[in-house]
Every structure is written in structure tokens, then in C-alpha cells.
Amino acid sequence: MSHYLKTQSPILTKQQFCLLFFAAALLRLAYLALVVLFDGQINNGSDSEKYLKLATNLGAHGSLLTWDGEQYRPETDRMPLYPYFLALILEIAGIQRLWAVAIFQALIDATTVIAISLIGGAIKPSWALPSAILACGWATLVILTSFVLTDTIFMAFFCWGICACMWATLSRQKLMLVSLAGFAFSLALLTRPTLMFFPYILLPTLSLLLWASGGVRWHKAVFLSLVPAFMMALALVPRTAQNYTHYGERVVTTQSGNHAMDAMDQFIRLCDLCLRQHWEPRMHAEARNRFSTHSEEDQKNPVIFDKIKREVAFQHLKELPPAIFVKGVALGSLRSILQTGLYETGHQFRLKPKFFSSIPGQHLLERLRIFFSKMASSVFLLVWACAQIFTIIAFLFQILGLGNSVRDSKTAPYVLFLVTTGLYFLAINGPFGNPRYGLPITPLLIVLTASGVATFSRWFKKYWIRST
């Protein structure tokens, strides 16, 4: 490894990497054991069912097909990689043994812990071990491995792509590493479509990172950054060609229309004027009316309805007051960053918890009083409240770590690269916010927490020396 890197000393030993992998895997398997023991839900409902049906159809028909009420047609909604993964695991273990999927996801997520450790170590070697320890026990990562959802697989590919980008600055084999990044990002894109617009962000930010920290001239940095962007675009060609052949439109997924309409629903609910003018029912009625003008044959085409939804949603977005847009994205971002992953556990174990956000009351003190009275009789709510406090404390460390990192010329390019990546996902999510939507920004949050803890430790050490 040192033959290819500018640094000669490894950030962690092989024994440490192995220990971290097994510790992460065991922690995730232990959580899965609790889910099985207490009859928790591995099937997450609607989303899980859609992937399981695709996996079943893949085994039965040999391709990704969905039933439209009359016949099987090529799938346009969900990306293909996760159904293939599910089909393989269920072929080995059996369709009823969903815990087998979670076991494989636990092992895969253990590699994500290693990737996040390497991301932290690329910025500063002393951050590698704290980043690994935080990633090992990061609640959202642990919990989502136990669901039949794309998150774990997506995060593994995405984090290794980020890792390859960062270590390209330290490697003599920059082309090889940015190519590996492109390969990992392409697989992540074929798992979830949220990376569709990521190349527009990746090209300038990776160019800046390679130029500022990799000692690469700007024109070579741009060329190297084009490699992963080109590979991601190339990965979408077969799917886009298939959709064009069957449905007459060059589209990647029909998820975008529903996502756009749902996002506009959330924005409208934050706008009193929009509510008074009945924007939400009018918007959905307009989409249905436009769709009804098409021929009966076109109405069977999922791509056409998706296109109409996107057009109607974008039209209303342009009319939305800018302040409401900012408010929606800000609130969604805060929920994604500040909510503990245990938010998902309450639903997974069918506890129907009464979280603080759902407590009614005329003022804050009354809501706190009601919540504490409920928490006194609920062990889960007590654990959730403690986890929420730790999440808020971690957020304070993240702010401290961000301020410290951007002032250091050596760490600033790396951290700004991660921050820009995080802002991309927060913008894509729009008004949606919960731990699952905030999962892609986990590498940023972990690195900033490690930086903040290191900064606070130095301050505390100096204060202790002075006081004694």
C-alpha cells in the first residue's frame, strides 16, 4: 500500500482494521437478534414489498418486471441493483427468511465502517480511529441494516467512492483511484437514483480537492474529475435505452415525479397562503386532468404520468414564495441531522412511541411535562430521549469540528468536499427529514464529530494543565 501512497505509515494496523470490522458486524448482528427475538419488522412495509416483488419476479421471469394490472412490463420505478441482491440472497436462504438479507447487510455495513475510518484518516491520520469507533456504533447505520431497504448497500458503495476520491490526493495512482470512485458511485447510483445529479457537484469539488491537496495542475484535476462523472453517466445508458425502447422517453426512473409531488405537498403545508388557496388539491387535480387528456394507450405508460407530475410540481415550485422553500429545506435538514436513528426503532418494534414532536400542548413547558410523564412509563422513550441528547451533543461537536477544520489549510479542502456533498443530499431531500434521509451525510457528521472531539480534548487538556 505504501508503494502507491505519499505517506509511508499506515493510519491503522491490519489488526485494528480486522477488529473494527468484526466489532461492527457483531454489533449489527446483535441488534438483528433483538429484532428477531422481539418480533420486530425486517419488512419495512411498502418500500420493502416493492423490492421483494421485483426480486420474486426476477427469479420467476429472469428480468425486472412489474405487474401493471394487465400484464408484466419492464420496471421503471426502482433501480435494479438491490432487487438483484435480494434475489440472490433469497434464492440461497428462502423467500421467508428475510433475516438472511439483514445478516448480509450487517457484514456489508461493517465494510462501510472501514471506509469511513479511511475517509477520516485521509484528512488527518489521528481521526481514523475515532471515526471508525463512531461509525461502528452510529445508530442509523446499525438500525437500517436490519430493514429490507437499499440504504445499507447504497451507503457501502457511496462511502467507498468518497474514500477513493480522498485517497486519490495522497496516491501516485490517481487515475486508478478516481476510476474506482467512479465504479463505486455508479453502483450506488444503480442502487438509488439520488445520485443522478451528483456529477454536477462532483466535477468542481473533486477538481478543487485534487488541485488544492493532491498537488495536481488544474487542467489535469478537471480531467481526473471527469472520469467518475463519465462512468456514472455511462452506467445509466442501458436503463435509459431500455426505457426509451419500451416507453418512448429517455428517463432513468419514474420515482422522480412522485418525489416532486410529495415534496411540493410538504412545502405547501408550510405556507398559510398556499393552504388558503388550496394549492395541494389543485396541484394533484391538475396532474390528473393533464393525464386524462392522453389516449388510453398513453395512460398505460408510466413514464408519461411521471413526466406530467414533474412538470406540474416544478410549475408550482416556481410560484412558491422563496422564504417557504428555504424554511422547508432548513427544517428538513435539521430533522435529518438532529434526529437519532432510534426514531426508526420505535416503529420497527411496533411500540407506537409518542415522540416529543407529536406531543400536544399550548407551550413548551406543558409539552415537556406531558412527555416526561409518558417517558416515566416507557423504557424505550427513556432510551430514545438519552440518544436524542447525545445526538444534540454530537451536533455541537460537529459545529466545533467544522470551525476548526476549515481554519486549517491542510484539512479544509477535504472537509469542504464533504460539506458540499452533504449539502447536495440535503438539497435533494428538500423538505423531507428523518434519520434515513440524512444517512448519506453520515461520513460528514462522523468526521466533524471526530474533529470536534479532538479540538475539545486539546482545549480541555490545556485548561487542565493551566489549572493545575
Protein backbone atom coordinates (compact mmCIF):
# COMPACT_ATOMS: atom_id res chain seq x y z
CA MET A 1 0.00 0.00 0.00
CA SER A 2 2.75 2.46 0.94
CA HIS A 3 4.29 1.93 -2.50
CA TYR A 4 1.31 3.78 -4.01
CA LEU A 5 0.92 6.46 -1.33
CA LYS A 6 2.92 9.53 -0.47
CA THR A 7 2.74 8.56 3.20
CA GLN A 8 4.75 5.59 4.45
CA SER A 9 2.99 4.92 7.77
CA PRO A 10 -0.45 3.22 7.82
CA ILE A 11 -3.19 5.07 9.66
CA LEU A 12 -4.37 1.84 11.30
CA THR A 13 -2.80 -1.60 11.56
CA LYS A 14 -4.26 -4.68 9.89
CA GLN A 15 -5.20 -5.99 13.33
CA GLN A 16 -7.13 -2.79 14.09
CA PHE A 17 -8.98 -2.96 10.77
CA CYS A 18 -9.95 -6.59 11.42
CA LEU A 19 -11.05 -5.80 14.97
CA LEU A 20 -13.16 -2.88 13.75
CA PHE A 21 -14.80 -5.00 11.06
CA PHE A 22 -15.74 -7.79 13.47
CA ALA A 23 -16.88 -5.36 16.18
CA ALA A 24 -19.12 -3.52 13.70
CA ALA A 25 -20.52 -6.77 12.31
CA LEU A 26 -21.20 -8.23 15.78
CA LEU A 27 -22.97 -5.07 16.95
CA ARG A 28 -25.24 -5.11 13.91
CA LEU A 29 -25.92 -8.83 14.26
CA ALA A 30 -26.73 -8.31 17.94
CA TYR A 31 -29.28 -5.65 17.02
CA LEU A 32 -30.76 -8.01 14.40
CA ALA A 33 -31.03 -10.72 17.06
CA LEU A 34 -33.10 -8.32 19.19
CA VAL A 35 -35.35 -7.57 16.22
CA VAL A 36 -35.96 -11.29 15.65
CA LEU A 37 -36.31 -12.05 19.39
CA PHE A 38 -38.93 -9.35 19.96
CA ASP A 39 -40.73 -9.96 16.65
CA GLY A 40 -39.65 -6.67 15.12
CA GLN A 41 -40.19 -5.74 11.49
CA ILE A 42 -37.50 -6.54 8.94
CA ASN A 43 -40.01 -5.86 6.19
CA ASN A 44 -40.47 -2.07 6.25
CA GLY A 45 -43.83 -2.12 4.51
CA SER A 46 -44.48 -0.52 1.13
CA ASP A 47 -40.86 0.07 0.06
CA SER A 48 -39.69 -3.37 1.17
CA GLU A 49 -42.63 -5.06 -0.56
CA LYS A 50 -41.83 -3.37 -3.85
CA TYR A 51 -38.25 -4.66 -3.79
CA LEU A 52 -39.35 -8.14 -2.70
CA LYS A 53 -41.87 -8.34 -5.56
CA LEU A 54 -39.18 -7.30 -8.03
CA ALA A 55 -36.81 -9.92 -6.62
CA THR A 56 -39.54 -12.57 -6.88
CA ASN A 57 -40.34 -11.58 -10.48
CA LEU A 58 -36.64 -11.66 -11.30
CA GLY A 59 -36.43 -15.25 -10.07
CA ALA A 60 -39.61 -16.25 -11.92
CA HIS A 61 -39.12 -14.41 -15.22
CA GLY A 62 -35.39 -13.73 -15.41
CA SER A 63 -35.76 -9.94 -15.63
CA LEU A 64 -37.00 -6.98 -13.60
CA LEU A 65 -40.72 -6.83 -14.33
CA THR A 66 -43.66 -5.27 -12.56
CA TRP A 67 -47.38 -6.07 -12.86
CA ASP A 68 -49.45 -3.11 -14.10
CA GLY A 69 -52.85 -4.76 -13.58
CA GLU A 70 -52.97 -6.31 -17.04
CA GLN A 71 -49.51 -7.56 -17.87
CA TYR A 72 -45.89 -7.59 -16.78
CA ARG A 73 -43.84 -4.67 -18.02
CA PRO A 74 -40.18 -3.61 -17.57
CA GLU A 75 -39.68 -1.89 -14.22
CA THR A 76 -39.22 1.89 -14.43
CA ASP A 77 -39.55 2.93 -10.80
CA ARG A 78 -36.88 1.22 -8.67
CA MET A 79 -33.22 1.00 -9.60
CA PRO A 80 -32.03 -2.52 -10.48
CA LEU A 81 -29.10 -3.40 -8.22
CA TYR A 82 -30.91 -4.02 -4.92
CA PRO A 83 -33.55 -6.37 -6.42
CA TYR A 84 -30.69 -8.43 -7.89
CA PHE A 85 -29.04 -8.52 -4.47
CA LEU A 86 -32.32 -9.60 -2.84
CA ALA A 87 -32.99 -12.25 -5.47
CA LEU A 88 -29.55 -13.79 -4.89
CA ILE A 89 -29.88 -13.90 -1.09
CA LEU A 90 -33.46 -15.20 -1.14
CA GLU A 91 -32.53 -17.85 -3.69
CA ILE A 92 -29.93 -19.13 -1.23
CA ALA A 93 -31.86 -18.70 2.04
CA GLY A 94 -35.51 -18.88 1.00
CA ILE A 95 -38.17 -16.24 0.44
CA GLN A 96 -39.42 -16.27 4.05
CA ARG A 97 -36.00 -15.83 5.68
CA LEU A 98 -35.62 -12.08 5.47
CA TRP A 99 -33.21 -12.18 8.41
CA ALA A 100 -30.66 -13.66 5.96
CA VAL A 101 -30.81 -10.40 3.98
CA ALA A 102 -30.14 -8.46 7.19
CA ILE A 103 -27.16 -10.71 8.03
CA PHE A 104 -25.52 -9.99 4.69
CA GLN A 105 -26.30 -6.28 5.09
CA ALA A 106 -24.66 -6.30 8.53
CA LEU A 107 -21.46 -7.68 7.01
CA ILE A 108 -21.59 -5.18 4.16
CA ASP A 109 -22.13 -2.28 6.57
CA ALA A 110 -19.06 -3.39 8.52
CA THR A 111 -17.04 -2.55 5.39
CA THR A 112 -18.71 0.89 5.40
CA VAL A 113 -17.23 1.43 8.87
CA ILE A 114 -13.78 0.74 7.41
CA ALA A 115 -14.46 3.16 4.55
CA ILE A 116 -15.49 5.94 6.95
CA SER A 117 -12.36 5.27 9.01
CA LEU A 118 -10.24 5.68 5.88
CA ILE A 119 -12.13 8.88 4.98
CA GLY A 120 -11.23 10.34 8.37
CA GLY A 121 -7.65 9.07 8.09
CA ALA A 122 -7.18 10.65 4.67
CA ILE A 123 -7.93 14.05 6.20
CA LYS A 124 -5.86 13.51 9.34
CA PRO A 125 -4.37 10.17 10.45
CA SER A 126 -5.35 10.80 14.07
CA TRP A 127 -9.03 10.98 13.01
CA ALA A 128 -9.08 7.44 11.60
CA LEU A 129 -9.66 5.53 14.84
CA PRO A 130 -12.24 7.97 16.34
CA SER A 131 -14.14 7.97 13.02
CA ALA A 132 -14.13 4.17 12.98
CA ILE A 133 -15.38 3.91 16.57
CA LEU A 134 -18.16 6.43 15.91
CA ALA A 135 -19.18 4.67 12.67
CA CYS A 136 -19.15 1.32 14.45
CA GLY A 137 -21.88 2.45 16.85
CA TRP A 138 -23.66 5.09 14.75
CA ALA A 139 -27.31 4.27 15.44
CA THR A 140 -28.72 4.98 11.98
CA LEU A 141 -26.14 2.77 10.28
CA VAL A 142 -26.74 -0.07 12.74
CA ILE A 143 -30.54 0.06 12.65
CA LEU A 144 -31.03 0.33 8.90
CA THR A 145 -29.02 -2.85 8.26
CA SER A 146 -31.98 -4.77 9.72
CA PHE A 147 -34.50 -3.49 7.14
CA VAL A 148 -35.10 -4.78 3.62
CA LEU A 149 -34.17 -1.43 2.14
CA THR A 150 -31.48 -0.08 -0.19
CA ASP A 151 -29.78 2.14 2.39
CA THR A 152 -27.01 -0.22 3.54
CA ILE A 153 -25.94 -1.25 0.04
CA PHE A 154 -26.09 2.34 -1.19
CA MET A 155 -24.00 3.61 1.73
CA ALA A 156 -21.31 0.97 1.21
CA PHE A 157 -20.76 1.91 -2.44
CA PHE A 158 -21.10 5.65 -1.77
CA CYS A 159 -18.65 5.71 1.15
CA TRP A 160 -16.04 3.71 -0.73
CA GLY A 161 -16.43 6.14 -3.63
CA ILE A 162 -15.82 9.10 -1.30
CA CYS A 163 -12.89 7.21 0.24
CA ALA A 164 -11.28 6.64 -3.17
CA CYS A 165 -11.68 10.35 -4.06
CA MET A 166 -9.95 11.44 -0.87
CA TRP A 167 -7.09 8.97 -1.05
CA ALA A 168 -6.50 9.95 -4.68
CA THR A 169 -4.94 13.13 -3.30
CA LEU A 170 -2.34 11.03 -1.45
CA SER A 171 -1.75 8.39 -4.10
CA ARG A 172 0.64 8.19 -7.01
CA GLN A 173 -2.05 6.21 -8.86
CA LYS A 174 -4.64 8.98 -9.06
CA LEU A 175 -6.30 7.75 -12.27
CA MET A 176 -6.78 4.29 -10.79
CA LEU A 177 -8.40 5.67 -7.63
CA VAL A 178 -10.75 8.11 -9.37
CA SER A 179 -11.75 5.23 -11.65
CA LEU A 180 -12.51 3.10 -8.60
CA ALA A 181 -14.51 6.04 -7.24
CA GLY A 182 -16.47 6.19 -10.48
CA PHE A 183 -17.15 2.46 -10.31
CA ALA A 184 -18.37 2.71 -6.70
CA PHE A 185 -20.53 5.76 -7.41
CA SER A 186 -22.02 4.02 -10.45
CA LEU A 187 -23.05 1.03 -8.33
CA ALA A 188 -24.51 3.40 -5.73
CA LEU A 189 -26.46 5.17 -8.48
CA LEU A 190 -27.81 1.85 -9.74
CA THR A 191 -28.99 1.21 -6.17
CA ARG A 192 -30.71 4.55 -5.54
CA PRO A 193 -31.39 7.37 -8.04
CA THR A 194 -30.48 10.18 -5.60
CA LEU A 195 -27.02 10.38 -7.20
CA MET A 196 -28.40 11.29 -10.66
CA PHE A 197 -27.28 14.92 -10.38
CA PHE A 198 -24.22 14.23 -8.23
CA PRO A 199 -21.73 14.51 -11.16
CA TYR A 200 -22.57 18.23 -11.41
CA ILE A 201 -21.32 18.62 -7.83
CA LEU A 202 -18.54 16.04 -8.03
CA LEU A 203 -16.77 17.60 -11.03
CA PRO A 204 -15.94 21.01 -9.48
CA THR A 205 -15.46 19.78 -5.88
CA LEU A 206 -13.19 16.86 -6.78
CA SER A 207 -11.21 19.10 -9.15
CA LEU A 208 -10.68 21.59 -6.34
CA LEU A 209 -9.70 18.83 -3.92
CA LEU A 210 -7.14 17.31 -6.31
CA TRP A 211 -5.71 20.74 -7.09
CA ALA A 212 -5.58 22.00 -3.50
CA SER A 213 -4.48 18.83 -1.68
CA GLY A 214 -3.23 16.49 -4.39
CA GLY A 215 -0.65 18.78 -5.99
CA VAL A 216 -2.31 18.36 -9.41
CA ARG A 217 -2.44 21.13 -12.01
CA TRP A 218 -5.94 22.43 -12.61
CA HIS A 219 -6.37 21.01 -16.14
CA LYS A 220 -5.27 17.54 -15.01
CA ALA A 221 -7.53 17.83 -11.94
CA VAL A 222 -10.51 18.56 -14.20
CA PHE A 223 -9.64 15.61 -16.45
CA LEU A 224 -9.37 13.24 -13.47
CA SER A 225 -12.68 14.51 -12.07
CA LEU A 226 -14.39 13.86 -15.39
CA VAL A 227 -13.59 10.15 -15.11
CA PRO A 228 -16.06 9.24 -12.32
CA ALA A 229 -18.68 11.62 -13.75
CA PHE A 230 -18.39 9.95 -17.16
CA MET A 231 -18.56 6.47 -15.61
CA MET A 232 -21.75 7.37 -13.75
CA ALA A 233 -23.37 8.66 -16.93
CA LEU A 234 -22.27 5.53 -18.79
CA ALA A 235 -23.80 3.30 -16.11
CA LEU A 236 -27.24 4.75 -16.85
CA VAL A 237 -27.13 4.13 -20.59
CA PRO A 238 -28.59 0.57 -20.59
CA ARG A 239 -31.51 1.53 -18.34
CA THR A 240 -32.22 4.75 -20.24
CA ALA A 241 -32.08 2.87 -23.55
CA GLN A 242 -34.49 0.23 -22.23
CA ASN A 243 -36.98 2.87 -21.07
CA TYR A 244 -36.74 4.67 -24.41
CA THR A 245 -37.30 1.41 -26.31
CA HIS A 246 -40.37 0.41 -24.28
CA TYR A 247 -41.86 3.76 -23.32
CA GLY A 248 -40.56 6.31 -25.83
CA GLU A 249 -38.84 8.58 -23.26
CA ARG A 250 -35.19 8.87 -22.21
CA VAL A 251 -35.72 8.65 -18.45
CA VAL A 252 -33.82 6.88 -15.67
CA THR A 253 -36.62 6.39 -13.16
CA THR A 254 -40.29 7.19 -12.63
CA GLN A 255 -39.68 7.83 -8.92
CA SER A 256 -38.88 11.48 -9.58
CA GLY A 257 -42.46 12.51 -10.37
CA ASN A 258 -43.90 11.13 -7.14
CA HIS A 259 -40.97 12.56 -5.18
CA ALA A 260 -41.50 16.01 -6.71
CA MET A 261 -45.24 15.99 -5.93
CA ASP A 262 -44.66 14.76 -2.36
CA ALA A 263 -42.02 17.45 -1.84
CA MET A 264 -44.41 20.14 -3.04
CA ASP A 265 -47.07 18.80 -0.65
CA GLN A 266 -44.64 19.34 2.23
CA PHE A 267 -43.74 22.85 1.07
CA ILE A 268 -47.42 23.82 0.63
CA ARG A 269 -48.24 22.70 4.19
CA LEU A 270 -45.70 25.24 5.48
CA CYS A 271 -47.34 28.11 3.56
CA ASP A 272 -50.52 29.62 5.04
CA LEU A 273 -51.32 31.48 1.82
CA CYS A 274 -50.93 28.29 -0.23
CA LEU A 275 -53.22 26.42 2.16
CA ARG A 276 -55.88 29.11 1.97
CA GLN A 277 -55.75 28.96 -1.82
CA HIS A 278 -55.99 25.14 -1.77
CA TRP A 279 -52.75 24.59 -3.70
CA GLU A 280 -52.39 20.93 -2.74
CA PRO A 281 -55.71 19.56 -4.07
CA ARG A 282 -55.49 21.88 -7.10
CA MET A 283 -52.00 20.64 -7.94
CA HIS A 284 -52.99 16.96 -7.83
CA ALA A 285 -56.19 17.66 -9.76
CA GLU A 286 -54.19 19.45 -12.47
CA ALA A 287 -51.87 16.46 -12.82
CA ARG A 288 -54.81 14.07 -13.13
CA ASN A 289 -56.58 16.33 -15.64
CA ARG A 290 -53.49 16.59 -17.85
CA PHE A 291 -53.08 12.84 -17.73
CA SER A 292 -56.74 12.25 -18.66
CA THR A 293 -56.29 14.14 -21.94
CA HIS A 294 -53.91 11.45 -23.21
CA SER A 295 -55.04 8.42 -25.17
CA GLU A 296 -55.93 5.16 -23.43
CA GLU A 297 -52.68 3.64 -24.64
CA ASP A 298 -50.61 6.54 -23.30
CA GLN A 299 -52.35 6.28 -19.94
CA LYS A 300 -50.81 2.84 -19.54
CA ASN A 301 -47.37 4.38 -19.99
CA PRO A 302 -45.86 5.08 -16.52
CA VAL A 303 -43.25 7.43 -17.98
CA ILE A 304 -45.89 9.85 -19.28
CA PHE A 305 -47.66 10.23 -15.92
CA ASP A 306 -44.29 10.68 -14.20
CA LYS A 307 -43.35 13.42 -16.67
CA ILE A 308 -46.66 15.22 -16.05
CA LYS A 309 -46.14 15.08 -12.28
CA ARG A 310 -42.64 16.55 -12.59
CA GLU A 311 -43.88 19.36 -14.84
CA VAL A 312 -46.81 20.26 -12.56
CA ALA A 313 -44.66 20.11 -9.41
CA PHE A 314 -41.95 22.29 -10.97
CA GLN A 315 -44.56 24.80 -12.15
CA HIS A 316 -45.88 25.19 -8.58
CA LEU A 317 -42.35 25.28 -7.18
CA LYS A 318 -41.62 28.35 -9.31
CA GLU A 319 -44.67 30.06 -7.79
CA LEU A 320 -43.76 29.09 -4.22
CA PRO A 321 -42.59 32.02 -2.01
CA PRO A 322 -38.76 31.74 -1.70
CA ALA A 323 -38.98 32.04 2.09
CA ILE A 324 -41.15 28.90 2.24
CA PHE A 325 -38.66 26.97 0.13
CA VAL A 326 -35.79 27.98 2.44
CA LYS A 327 -37.87 27.16 5.50
CA GLY A 328 -38.81 23.73 4.18
CA VAL A 329 -35.24 22.76 3.27
CA ALA A 330 -33.90 24.11 6.58
CA LEU A 331 -36.45 22.19 8.68
CA GLY A 332 -35.89 19.02 6.66
CA SER A 333 -32.12 19.35 7.05
CA LEU A 334 -32.37 19.84 10.82
CA ARG A 335 -34.58 16.77 11.19
CA SER A 336 -32.14 14.71 9.13
CA ILE A 337 -29.16 15.84 11.21
CA LEU A 338 -30.64 16.12 14.70
CA GLN A 339 -32.94 13.08 14.91
CA THR A 340 -31.46 9.95 16.43
CA GLY A 341 -31.67 6.70 14.46
CA LEU A 342 -33.72 5.21 17.31
CA TYR A 343 -36.63 7.08 15.73
CA GLU A 344 -36.84 4.10 13.35
CA THR A 345 -36.56 1.53 16.15
CA GLY A 346 -39.82 2.56 17.80
CA HIS A 347 -41.73 1.76 14.62
CA GLN A 348 -39.68 -1.35 13.90
CA PHE A 349 -40.62 -2.92 17.25
CA ARG A 350 -44.29 -1.85 16.85
CA LEU A 351 -44.09 0.26 20.02
CA LYS A 352 -46.08 3.18 18.57
CA PRO A 353 -44.00 5.63 20.62
CA LYS A 354 -45.27 9.11 21.43
CA PHE A 355 -42.21 11.15 20.44
CA PHE A 356 -41.82 14.70 21.74
CA SER A 357 -42.64 16.16 18.29
CA SER A 358 -46.10 14.58 18.46
CA ILE A 359 -46.91 15.76 22.00
CA PRO A 360 -49.73 18.38 22.02
CA GLY A 361 -49.63 21.43 24.26
CA GLN A 362 -50.06 25.18 24.36
CA HIS A 363 -46.44 25.90 25.25
CA LEU A 364 -43.07 24.18 25.59
CA LEU A 365 -43.24 23.58 29.35
CA GLU A 366 -46.60 21.86 29.06
CA ARG A 367 -45.35 19.62 26.26
CA LEU A 368 -42.25 18.74 28.33
CA ARG A 369 -44.40 17.87 31.33
CA ILE A 370 -46.62 15.55 29.27
CA PHE A 371 -43.61 13.95 27.59
CA PHE A 372 -41.80 13.28 30.88
CA SER A 373 -44.94 11.68 32.31
CA LYS A 374 -45.11 9.32 29.32
CA MET A 375 -41.37 8.67 29.43
CA ALA A 376 -41.65 7.55 33.09
CA SER A 377 -43.71 4.55 31.98
CA SER A 378 -41.78 3.75 28.78
CA VAL A 379 -38.27 2.31 28.79
CA PHE A 380 -37.98 2.90 25.05
CA LEU A 381 -38.84 6.61 25.33
CA LEU A 382 -36.23 6.96 28.07
CA VAL A 383 -33.58 5.35 25.86
CA TRP A 384 -34.73 7.44 22.90
CA ALA A 385 -34.50 10.67 24.94
CA CYS A 386 -30.95 9.81 26.07
CA ALA A 387 -29.96 9.02 22.46
CA GLN A 388 -31.53 12.29 21.32
CA ILE A 389 -29.47 14.20 23.90
CA PHE A 390 -26.30 12.51 22.66
CA THR A 391 -27.28 13.40 19.07
CA ILE A 392 -27.63 17.07 20.01
CA ILE A 393 -24.29 16.99 21.87
CA ALA A 394 -22.69 15.41 18.80
CA PHE A 395 -24.15 18.24 16.71
CA LEU A 396 -22.39 20.78 18.94
CA PHE A 397 -19.12 18.88 18.45
CA GLN A 398 -19.78 18.88 14.69
CA ILE A 399 -20.10 22.67 14.68
CA LEU A 400 -16.86 22.93 16.66
CA GLY A 401 -15.16 20.45 14.33
CA LEU A 402 -16.31 22.33 11.23
CA GLY A 403 -14.95 25.63 12.51
CA ASN A 404 -11.63 24.05 13.46
CA SER A 405 -11.27 22.10 10.20
CA VAL A 406 -11.91 24.96 7.79
CA ARG A 407 -9.30 27.12 9.54
CA ASP A 408 -6.61 24.51 8.89
CA SER A 409 -5.28 24.76 5.34
CA LYS A 410 -4.45 21.04 5.28
CA THR A 411 -7.87 19.77 6.34
CA ALA A 412 -10.05 22.50 4.81
CA PRO A 413 -10.18 21.13 1.19
CA TYR A 414 -11.23 17.66 2.40
CA VAL A 415 -13.87 18.95 4.80
CA LEU A 416 -15.27 21.37 2.22
CA PHE A 417 -15.50 18.44 -0.22
CA LEU A 418 -17.55 16.50 2.36
CA VAL A 419 -19.65 19.56 3.27
CA THR A 420 -20.55 20.18 -0.39
CA THR A 421 -21.50 16.52 -0.77
CA GLY A 422 -23.69 16.78 2.34
CA LEU A 423 -25.38 19.94 1.07
CA TYR A 424 -26.18 18.15 -2.18
CA PHE A 425 -28.17 15.48 -0.35
CA LEU A 426 -29.91 17.97 1.91
CA ALA A 427 -30.97 19.96 -1.17
CA ILE A 428 -32.16 16.81 -2.98
CA ASN A 429 -34.20 15.78 0.07
CA GLY A 430 -35.83 19.20 0.20
CA PRO A 431 -38.46 19.33 2.97
CA PHE A 432 -38.12 15.63 3.82
CA GLY A 433 -36.23 14.95 7.01
CA ASN A 434 -35.58 11.91 9.19
CA PRO A 435 -32.52 9.78 10.04
CA ARG A 436 -32.94 7.69 6.89
CA TYR A 437 -32.91 10.72 4.59
CA GLY A 438 -29.85 12.02 6.47
CA LEU A 439 -27.94 8.76 6.08
CA PRO A 440 -25.76 9.87 3.09
CA ILE A 441 -24.34 12.75 5.14
CA THR A 442 -23.19 10.32 7.86
CA PRO A 443 -19.49 10.37 6.75
CA LEU A 444 -19.50 14.17 7.09
CA LEU A 445 -21.19 14.07 10.51
CA ILE A 446 -18.80 11.41 11.82
CA VAL A 447 -15.68 13.19 10.59
CA LEU A 448 -16.83 16.52 12.02
CA THR A 449 -17.67 14.84 15.34
CA ALA A 450 -14.19 13.30 15.47
CA SER A 451 -12.68 16.71 14.67
CA GLY A 452 -14.80 18.42 17.31
CA VAL A 453 -13.91 15.87 19.99
CA ALA A 454 -10.21 16.24 19.16
CA THR A 455 -10.45 20.03 19.38
CA PHE A 456 -12.36 19.92 22.66
CA SER A 457 -9.83 17.43 24.09
CA ARG A 458 -6.95 19.80 23.27
CA TRP A 459 -8.78 22.71 24.89
CA PHE A 460 -9.61 20.68 27.98
CA LYS A 461 -6.02 19.44 28.26
CA LYS A 462 -4.65 23.00 28.07
CA TYR A 463 -7.19 24.17 30.65
CA TRP A 464 -6.31 21.26 32.96
CA ILE A 465 -2.57 21.98 32.71
CA ARG A 466 -3.12 25.67 33.47
CA SER A 467 -5.45 24.97 36.39
CA THR A 468 -3.01 22.55 38.00
